């Protein structure tokens, strides 16, 4: 029995996932006649988290569509901002994205982060359990079926990573609302209530404090505040008017 042959059109933005010999606008594939189109796309190396839609001969089809001989398949990128239905927008980052996690938290974005490598199965299960968008540069992790949702982090530079995530998902920003250490929520704290956790110099120099409801860490406008404020102010100018999201 002759196996079906299809032509696949892949946008340039997704070429980094492809083998070098398939990095062209169109590539021809011979399928087994039973695998779904989603499986065929993933076999090229493209995580389905990076696919916005699939079209066959101009009409959109589900990932479960089984390609037939002669079909022209178009792989489309995700639409930005990307909507993640069914849960408040929150993230889970793998062990390699600690700086990105802290910057998202600085901006008030719910960003859970695993500082130790707990393994792909555990990360995927946690994404599903807590309904968090898995952010990673690990393509294998993003192909795991149990993921709630996911997004590939394209750059290895934290500044570019942050801008890409904010542009793609457009989370609501609330700077200075979360603990950068544990992701807990911050609340104003009376100086007397945190006095025993402050160094002498801090007690003498500062009067305004915040405390994490999760880990108890105390915050004040210390030496790094100017640098962090500059990052926050620039980010708010660029991304502070994102579309409203359903609150937790």
Foldseek 3Di string as FASTA:
>chain_A
DAFAKEKEAEDQVQLVQADPVCNDRIDIDGDRQQAFQLVVVVVRRGQCLQFQFKDWPRHTDDRRHGDGHYIYIYTHGRDKQHDQPDDFAAAEEELLCLVLLLLCVQQVGHYHYDVDPPDLVVSQQVQQVRVYEYEECDSVSSNDPSHSHYDYQDDSDSVSSNVVVCGHNLHATDGPQADSVGRAGKDWDACVVCVVVDDPVCNVPDGTWIAGPPPGDIDDCDDCNVVSVVVNVVCCVVRNPGDDTDDD
